[in-house]
Amino acid sequence: MDHSSLRDQIAAFQADYIRCIDNDELEHWPEFFSEDGHYSVTTAANVKDGLPAGLIRATNRAMLQDRVSALRHANVYERHGYRHIVGLPSAKVSEPGRAEAETPFMVARIMHDGQTQLFATGVYRDVFELDGSRLRLQRRVVICDSSRIDTLLAVPL
């Protein structure tokens, strides 16, 4: 697969991923990950200092499904939505059947009363499984630029 084709495929994946979240179709969010896909949210400072702890961590698709179920049925939080803006991914094939990418993002949070604010900026650091024409995340590390994270980090980034 040539570099521009891979970048285009990953850019299309990112568009589908953020559309799922921004349109509140969270039940489909875990489908973007492989069965053993990892998802975590951390800060640039943690990454720089080599600290593995994150704000959110899931190590397989079942944990992601549980997170969505908890958001829908158990957790109590002020309802809100997101609007993502993503940049172009920087992508490379790391080994046969795998690709790595880094994609910058900005997320605005829209509260139920209409108040909108910049919520997070950062980068998605991804490892993809290449399965024919289908990509799945084997690992997504959401690295937020700021270490000041609002306690209302309920919906996935």
Protein backbone atom coordinates (compact mmCIF):
# COMPACT_ATOMS: atom_id res chain seq x y z
CA MET A 1 0.00 0.00 0.00
CA ASP A 2 1.47 3.35 -0.97
CA HIS A 3 1.83 6.14 1.57
CA SER A 4 -0.88 8.46 0.18
CA SER A 5 -3.39 5.59 -0.08
CA LEU A 6 -2.72 4.62 3.56
CA ARG A 7 -3.05 8.24 4.71
CA ASP A 8 -6.35 8.56 2.82
CA GLN A 9 -7.66 5.33 4.33
CA ILE A 10 -6.74 6.47 7.85
CA ALA A 11 -8.24 9.94 7.24
CA ALA A 12 -11.51 8.28 6.18
CA PHE A 13 -11.36 6.09 9.31
CA GLN A 14 -10.86 9.17 11.51
CA ALA A 15 -13.85 10.89 9.87
CA ASP A 16 -16.08 7.87 10.59
CA TYR A 17 -14.74 7.58 14.16
CA ILE A 18 -15.45 11.21 15.05
CA ARG A 19 -18.82 11.16 13.29
CA CYS A 20 -19.80 8.25 15.53
CA ILE A 21 -18.91 10.19 18.69
CA ASP A 22 -20.17 13.59 17.56
CA ASN A 23 -23.52 12.09 16.47
CA ASP A 24 -23.91 10.30 19.82
CA GLU A 25 -23.81 6.85 18.23
CA LEU A 26 -21.61 5.53 21.02
CA GLU A 27 -22.94 1.98 20.79
CA HIS A 28 -20.95 1.71 17.52
CA TRP A 29 -17.75 3.22 18.96
CA PRO A 30 -16.25 -0.10 20.18
CA GLU A 31 -16.56 -1.51 16.62
CA PHE A 32 -13.66 0.72 15.57
CA PHE A 33 -11.35 -1.41 17.75
CA SER A 34 -10.03 -4.94 17.38
CA GLU A 35 -11.21 -7.48 19.98
CA ASP A 36 -8.06 -6.83 22.03
CA GLY A 37 -7.90 -3.14 21.14
CA HIS A 38 -6.52 -0.73 23.73
CA TYR A 39 -7.87 2.76 24.37
CA SER A 40 -6.41 5.26 26.78
CA VAL A 41 -6.53 8.98 27.45
CA THR A 42 -3.48 10.63 28.97
CA THR A 43 -1.59 13.92 28.92
CA ALA A 44 1.48 15.08 27.01
CA ALA A 45 3.23 15.63 30.35
CA ASN A 46 2.64 11.99 31.34
CA VAL A 47 4.00 10.79 27.99
CA LYS A 48 7.05 13.09 28.25
CA ASP A 49 7.79 11.84 31.77
CA GLY A 50 7.26 8.18 30.81
CA LEU A 51 4.30 7.80 33.16
CA PRO A 52 1.93 5.08 31.95
CA ALA A 53 -1.06 6.16 34.04
CA GLY A 54 -3.96 7.64 32.16
CA LEU A 55 -7.32 9.19 32.80
CA ILE A 56 -9.16 6.42 30.97
CA ARG A 57 -7.86 2.96 30.13
CA ALA A 58 -9.49 0.00 28.43
CA THR A 59 -7.65 -3.08 27.22
CA ASN A 60 -10.25 -4.76 25.01
CA ARG A 61 -13.46 -4.15 23.10
CA ALA A 62 -15.63 -5.62 25.90
CA MET A 63 -14.34 -2.93 28.28
CA LEU A 64 -15.27 -0.26 25.71
CA GLN A 65 -18.76 -1.74 25.42
CA ASP A 66 -19.07 -1.68 29.23
CA ARG A 67 -18.03 1.99 29.22
CA VAL A 68 -20.78 2.84 26.74
CA SER A 69 -23.32 0.86 28.74
CA ALA A 70 -22.31 2.70 31.93
CA LEU A 71 -22.59 6.05 30.13
CA ARG A 72 -26.07 5.19 28.95
CA HIS A 73 -27.47 3.51 32.07
CA ALA A 74 -25.42 4.04 35.22
CA ASN A 75 -23.28 7.18 35.24
CA VAL A 76 -24.76 10.49 36.26
CA TYR A 77 -23.24 13.44 34.44
CA GLU A 78 -24.36 16.65 32.79
CA ARG A 79 -25.38 15.79 29.24
CA HIS A 80 -23.16 17.23 26.54
CA GLY A 81 -21.89 16.57 23.05
CA TYR A 82 -18.66 17.02 21.16
CA ARG A 83 -17.60 18.48 17.85
CA HIS A 84 -14.23 17.18 16.69
CA ILE A 85 -11.91 18.83 14.22
CA VAL A 86 -9.06 16.56 13.11
CA GLY A 87 -5.97 17.26 11.05
CA LEU A 88 -4.41 15.05 8.44
CA PRO A 89 -2.82 11.89 9.78
CA SER A 90 0.86 11.17 9.51
CA ALA A 91 0.92 7.47 8.70
CA LYS A 92 3.34 4.65 7.96
CA VAL A 93 3.24 0.88 7.64
CA SER A 94 5.16 -0.40 10.65
CA GLU A 95 5.13 -4.08 9.66
CA PRO A 96 2.98 -6.24 7.39
CA GLY A 97 -0.66 -5.95 8.45
CA ARG A 98 -0.03 -2.99 10.79
CA ALA A 99 0.16 0.75 10.42
CA GLU A 100 0.94 3.56 12.81
CA ALA A 101 -0.51 7.04 12.64
CA GLU A 102 -0.56 10.29 14.52
CA THR A 103 -3.51 12.65 13.98
CA PRO A 104 -3.96 16.04 15.68
CA PHE A 105 -7.40 16.93 17.06
CA MET A 106 -9.42 19.69 18.70
CA VAL A 107 -12.68 18.99 20.52
CA ALA A 108 -15.35 21.53 21.38
CA ARG A 109 -17.83 20.53 24.09
CA ILE A 110 -21.43 21.64 23.74
CA MET A 111 -23.40 21.58 26.97
CA HIS A 112 -27.15 20.93 27.15
CA ASP A 113 -27.76 24.69 27.59
CA GLY A 114 -25.87 25.49 24.38
CA GLN A 115 -22.66 26.76 25.99
CA THR A 116 -19.74 25.79 23.79
CA GLN A 117 -16.08 25.77 24.77
CA LEU A 118 -12.80 24.34 23.59
CA PHE A 119 -12.56 21.14 25.61
CA ALA A 120 -9.39 19.37 24.51
CA THR A 121 -6.57 19.50 21.99
CA GLY A 122 -3.99 16.88 21.34
CA VAL A 123 -3.06 13.97 19.16
CA TYR A 124 -4.34 10.47 18.51
CA ARG A 125 -1.38 8.06 18.51
CA ASP A 126 -2.69 4.94 16.82
CA VAL A 127 -1.72 1.44 15.82
CA PHE A 128 -4.05 -0.05 13.21
CA GLU A 129 -4.60 -3.60 12.08
CA LEU A 130 -4.82 -3.68 8.28
CA ASP A 131 -7.39 -6.28 7.30
CA GLY A 132 -7.94 -5.89 3.58
CA SER A 133 -9.94 -2.70 3.13
CA ARG A 134 -10.97 -2.56 6.80
CA LEU A 135 -8.94 -0.80 9.48
CA ARG A 136 -9.36 -1.51 13.17
CA LEU A 137 -7.60 0.14 16.06
CA GLN A 138 -5.28 -2.16 17.93
CA ARG A 139 -4.25 0.75 20.13
CA ARG A 140 -5.39 4.36 20.45
CA VAL A 141 -3.63 6.63 22.91
CA VAL A 142 -5.36 9.99 23.15
CA ILE A 143 -2.67 12.43 24.26
CA CYS A 144 -4.14 15.69 25.52
CA ASP A 145 -1.88 18.74 25.27
CA SER A 146 -2.96 20.14 28.62
CA SER A 147 -2.63 18.43 31.97
CA ARG A 148 -5.69 20.38 33.14
CA ILE A 149 -8.48 17.96 32.30
CA ASP A 150 -12.07 18.75 33.18
CA THR A 151 -13.54 16.20 35.54
CA LEU A 152 -16.38 15.76 33.06
CA LEU A 153 -14.48 13.41 30.77
CA ALA A 154 -17.34 10.98 30.28
CA VAL A 155 -17.76 10.66 26.51
CA PRO A 156 -14.77 9.19 24.66
CA LEU A 157 -12.47 11.51 22.77
